[in-house]
Protein backbone atom coordinates (compact mmCIF):
# COMPACT_ATOMS: atom_id res chain seq x y z
CA MET A 1 -26.75 -51.83 1.48
CA SER A 2 -23.81 -51.66 3.86
CA HIS A 3 -22.10 -55.01 4.34
CA GLY A 4 -20.57 -55.87 7.70
CA ALA A 5 -21.37 -54.34 11.08
CA PRO A 6 -21.78 -50.54 10.87
CA SER A 7 -20.51 -48.27 13.61
CA VAL A 8 -23.03 -46.88 16.09
CA ALA A 9 -22.79 -43.44 14.52
CA ARG A 10 -23.25 -44.88 11.06
CA ALA A 11 -26.16 -47.09 12.05
CA ARG A 12 -27.98 -44.18 13.67
CA ARG A 13 -28.05 -42.37 10.31
CA VAL A 14 -30.58 -44.85 8.99
CA HIS A 15 -33.20 -44.47 11.67
CA PRO A 16 -33.27 -41.14 13.50
CA TRP A 17 -34.11 -38.65 10.78
CA LEU A 18 -37.80 -39.42 10.95
CA ALA A 19 -37.75 -39.48 14.74
CA LEU A 20 -35.96 -36.16 15.06
CA LEU A 21 -38.14 -34.49 12.47
CA ALA A 22 -41.25 -35.88 14.10
CA VAL A 23 -40.34 -34.49 17.50
CA ALA A 24 -39.87 -31.03 15.99
CA ALA A 25 -43.00 -31.18 13.86
CA LEU A 26 -45.25 -32.38 16.67
CA ALA A 27 -44.59 -29.48 19.03
CA MET A 28 -48.15 -28.45 19.84
CA PRO A 29 -50.37 -28.73 22.92
CA GLY A 30 -51.62 -32.19 23.83
CA CYS A 31 -52.05 -34.66 26.65
CA LEU A 32 -51.53 -38.22 27.81
CA GLU A 33 -49.40 -41.02 26.51
CA PRO A 34 -50.57 -42.67 23.29
CA HIS A 35 -51.23 -46.33 22.75
CA ARG A 36 -48.06 -47.73 21.17
CA ALA A 37 -49.05 -48.98 17.72
CA ILE A 38 -47.07 -52.10 16.88
CA VAL A 39 -47.04 -54.79 14.22
CA ASP A 40 -48.77 -57.96 15.38
CA PRO A 41 -45.83 -60.09 16.61
CA ASP A 42 -47.33 -63.16 14.94
CA VAL A 43 -46.53 -61.80 11.46
CA LEU A 44 -43.01 -60.48 12.00
CA THR A 45 -41.21 -63.61 10.78
CA ARG A 46 -43.89 -65.21 8.61
CA GLU A 47 -42.30 -64.02 5.35
CA LEU A 48 -39.06 -62.25 6.26
CA ARG A 49 -37.19 -61.83 9.55
CA TRP A 50 -38.04 -58.31 10.66
CA VAL A 51 -36.41 -56.97 13.83
CA ARG A 52 -38.30 -54.63 16.16
CA ALA A 53 -36.78 -51.75 18.15
CA ASP A 54 -38.78 -49.40 20.41
CA ARG A 55 -38.14 -45.73 20.99
CA VAL A 56 -40.09 -43.30 23.10
CA GLU A 57 -40.37 -39.64 22.13
CA THR A 58 -42.70 -37.67 24.41
CA GLY A 59 -43.47 -34.13 25.40
CA SER A 60 -43.66 -33.21 29.04
CA GLY A 61 -46.81 -32.50 31.01
CA LEU A 62 -49.56 -31.53 28.58
CA GLY A 63 -47.29 -31.50 25.54
CA THR A 64 -47.87 -33.80 22.60
CA HIS A 65 -46.81 -37.38 23.30
CA ALA A 66 -45.35 -39.51 20.52
CA MET A 67 -43.95 -43.03 20.50
CA GLU A 68 -41.84 -44.60 17.77
CA THR A 69 -41.45 -48.27 16.88
CA ASN A 70 -38.98 -49.39 14.20
CA TYR A 71 -38.91 -52.57 12.12
CA THR A 72 -35.87 -53.41 10.02
CA PHE A 73 -35.14 -56.13 7.52
CA ARG A 74 -31.46 -56.42 6.60
CA ALA A 75 -30.65 -58.28 3.42
CA GLY A 76 -27.80 -60.70 2.96
CA SER A 77 -25.67 -60.77 -0.18
CA GLY A 78 -28.67 -60.59 -2.50
CA PRO A 79 -32.44 -60.21 -2.63
CA PRO A 80 -34.81 -59.92 -0.89
CA TYR A 81 -33.53 -56.41 -0.32
CA SER A 82 -33.32 -54.34 2.85
CA ALA A 83 -36.20 -52.26 4.21
CA ILE A 84 -37.16 -50.18 7.23
CA LEU A 85 -40.59 -49.31 8.64
CA GLN A 86 -41.14 -46.66 11.31
CA VAL A 87 -44.46 -46.35 13.13
CA PHE A 88 -45.31 -43.22 15.10
CA SER A 89 -48.13 -43.18 17.65
CA ILE A 90 -49.30 -39.67 18.60
CA ARG A 91 -51.74 -38.40 21.20
CA GLU A 92 -52.66 -34.77 21.74
CA LEU A 93 -55.55 -32.55 22.80
CA GLY A 94 -58.18 -32.82 20.10
CA ARG A 95 -57.90 -34.82 16.92
CA ARG A 96 -55.46 -34.01 14.15
CA GLY A 97 -57.31 -34.28 10.82
CA THR A 98 -56.31 -36.57 7.97
CA ASP A 99 -55.10 -33.67 5.81
CA ASP A 100 -52.85 -32.45 8.62
CA LEU A 101 -51.47 -35.96 9.19
CA LEU A 102 -50.79 -36.38 5.49
CA ALA A 103 -49.12 -32.96 5.27
CA LEU A 104 -46.88 -33.84 8.22
CA THR A 105 -46.03 -37.23 6.72
CA HIS A 106 -45.20 -35.71 3.32
CA ASP A 107 -42.91 -33.24 5.07
CA LEU A 108 -41.17 -36.01 7.00
CA VAL A 109 -40.71 -38.09 3.86
CA ASP A 110 -39.39 -35.13 1.82
CA GLN A 111 -36.88 -34.05 4.45
CA GLY A 112 -35.88 -37.62 5.24
CA ALA A 113 -35.33 -38.48 1.58
CA ALA A 114 -33.11 -35.43 1.21
CA ALA A 115 -31.17 -36.28 4.38
CA GLU A 116 -30.58 -39.84 3.23
CA GLY A 117 -29.57 -38.85 -0.30
CA ILE A 118 -32.60 -40.29 -2.07
CA GLU A 119 -32.81 -38.42 -5.36
CA ASP A 120 -35.11 -38.27 -8.39
CA VAL A 121 -38.05 -38.83 -6.06
CA GLN A 122 -41.27 -39.23 -7.97
CA ALA A 123 -44.74 -39.40 -6.50
CA ASP A 124 -46.57 -42.37 -7.92
CA ARG A 125 -49.86 -43.33 -6.34
CA GLU A 126 -52.12 -42.67 -3.38
CA GLY A 127 -55.25 -44.23 -1.99
CA THR A 128 -57.16 -45.52 0.99
CA ARG A 129 -57.61 -48.92 2.59
CA THR A 130 -58.83 -50.65 5.74
CA LEU A 131 -56.28 -52.49 7.87
CA ALA A 132 -56.90 -55.93 9.36
CA ASN A 133 -58.14 -54.43 12.66
CA GLY A 134 -60.62 -52.13 10.91
CA LEU A 135 -58.54 -48.92 10.94
CA LYS A 136 -59.20 -46.81 7.84
CA THR A 137 -56.04 -45.22 6.42
CA HIS A 138 -54.81 -42.92 3.66
CA TRP A 139 -51.52 -43.76 1.97
CA PHE A 140 -49.14 -42.41 -0.67
CA SER A 141 -46.17 -43.99 -2.40
CA GLN A 142 -43.00 -42.54 -3.96
CA GLU A 143 -39.92 -43.92 -5.67
CA GLY A 144 -36.34 -42.69 -5.93
CA THR A 145 -32.65 -43.60 -6.20
CA VAL A 146 -30.07 -43.64 -3.40
CA SER A 147 -27.19 -41.32 -4.29
CA ALA A 148 -24.71 -42.56 -1.64
CA SER A 149 -24.45 -45.77 0.38
CA THR A 150 -25.91 -45.88 3.88
CA ALA A 151 -26.04 -48.58 6.53
CA LEU A 152 -29.05 -50.15 4.79
CA PHE A 153 -28.86 -49.19 1.12
CA LYS A 154 -26.09 -49.19 -1.46
CA GLN A 155 -25.46 -46.36 -3.85
CA ASP A 156 -27.63 -46.26 -6.99
CA VAL A 157 -30.24 -48.74 -5.77
CA ARG A 158 -33.90 -47.95 -6.39
CA VAL A 159 -36.18 -47.61 -3.37
CA ARG A 160 -39.90 -47.24 -2.76
CA ILE A 161 -41.34 -45.12 0.02
CA ILE A 162 -44.69 -45.53 1.77
CA GLY A 163 -46.43 -42.94 3.91
CA GLU A 164 -49.68 -44.00 5.60
CA VAL A 165 -51.84 -42.32 8.23
CA GLY A 166 -54.95 -43.03 10.27
CA TYR A 167 -56.72 -42.10 13.50
CA ASP A 168 -57.89 -44.79 15.90
CA GLY A 169 -60.71 -43.37 18.01
CA ARG A 170 -60.68 -46.43 20.25
CA SER A 171 -57.26 -45.46 21.58
CA SER A 172 -57.48 -41.73 20.70
CA THR A 173 -54.19 -42.19 18.86
CA SER A 174 -53.03 -40.88 15.49
CA ILE A 175 -50.87 -43.32 13.55
CA ILE A 176 -48.16 -42.47 11.02
CA ALA A 177 -46.28 -45.23 9.21
CA VAL A 178 -43.29 -44.40 6.99
CA GLY A 179 -41.27 -47.08 5.25
CA ILE A 180 -38.47 -47.41 2.71
CA ALA A 181 -37.73 -50.62 0.83
CA GLN A 182 -35.15 -51.31 -1.84
CA VAL A 183 -36.86 -52.76 -4.89
CA ALA A 184 -34.05 -52.94 -7.48
CA SER A 185 -30.28 -52.89 -7.91
CA THR A 186 -28.09 -52.31 -10.94
CA GLN A 187 -25.80 -55.15 -11.96
CA CYS A 188 -23.02 -54.79 -14.52
CA THR A 189 -20.96 -57.47 -16.24
CA ILE A 190 -17.23 -57.30 -16.97
CA LEU A 191 -18.24 -56.09 -20.42
CA ASN A 192 -19.95 -53.10 -18.78
CA THR A 193 -23.40 -54.27 -19.76
CA CYS A 194 -25.77 -53.22 -17.00
CA SER A 195 -29.28 -54.28 -16.07
CA GLN A 196 -31.62 -53.84 -13.13
CA ARG A 197 -32.50 -56.74 -10.86
CA GLU A 198 -35.91 -56.19 -9.30
CA ASP A 199 -37.22 -57.88 -6.20
CA PHE A 200 -40.33 -56.70 -4.33
CA ARG A 201 -40.45 -59.21 -1.49
CA SER A 202 -39.44 -56.79 1.28
CA TRP A 203 -41.77 -54.11 -0.12
CA ASN A 204 -44.65 -56.58 -0.28
CA SER A 205 -43.89 -57.82 3.22
CA MET A 206 -43.96 -54.27 4.53
CA VAL A 207 -46.99 -52.77 2.74
CA GLY A 208 -48.94 -55.70 1.30
CA ASP A 209 -52.44 -56.90 2.12
CA PRO A 210 -54.60 -59.69 0.66
CA GLN A 211 -56.28 -57.30 -1.80
CA GLY A 212 -53.09 -55.68 -3.09
CA SER A 213 -54.43 -52.26 -2.08
CA VAL A 214 -51.03 -50.52 -2.24
CA ARG A 215 -49.64 -50.66 -5.77
CA GLY A 216 -50.72 -54.29 -6.13
CA ALA A 217 -48.52 -55.50 -3.24
CA VAL A 218 -50.10 -58.76 -2.07
CA SER A 219 -49.29 -60.34 1.28
CA GLN A 220 -51.22 -62.22 3.92
CA TYR A 221 -48.79 -60.94 6.55
CA GLY A 222 -48.03 -57.34 5.57
CA LEU A 223 -46.62 -55.37 8.50
CA ILE A 224 -48.66 -52.18 8.12
CA HIS A 225 -51.82 -54.15 7.38
CA HIS A 226 -51.35 -55.94 10.70
CA LEU A 227 -50.74 -52.92 12.92
CA VAL A 228 -52.26 -53.21 16.39
CA THR A 229 -53.56 -49.68 17.04
CA HIS A 230 -55.65 -50.17 20.18
CA ASP A 231 -55.85 -52.57 23.14
């Protein structure tokens, strides 16, 4: 992870690739502004100090409307490690099916991982769960290694990626959540003996739920689990 205050141009590299790709990928007829899906504010600082930032990406007139909300945890000098969660809220004419949402999310993750230099990406697991507010979702998880330092992640650290989708009929809004969390770093001694230091606290805080539905990540205050997807 980058230490010290990054420049504006540098900082923007961490966040906008999903937003820019989403705007391009969502260019199809639609209507109305979506409900902005957000993490319940009551859980944002229960385990780690996540910082929220809102963006609005919309079409005009009857074009697809999409909103983006970002949550970032920036590590200090050691673990828990840095992580970012981006939540997209989409409203359009008709309902986009789960397979279409998953295909779009896989595309965003693949292109974003390439843009951010995440290599050796391996698909690991996928599944379904029900969030705290009753929204049923489908998720997939991947893992890879950062090839070059960015504003959030140092070179050669291991990261996990989450992609999760659902449709909330109560707000007529499709939800896409994409997150990246560092889960390990390589540490070497002066004798050039190296080992990995794992820490899953930011991953658990981002994706966890009481049942450990996503790769066994347990948290009472997991951000995705506590998404507010309708009024």
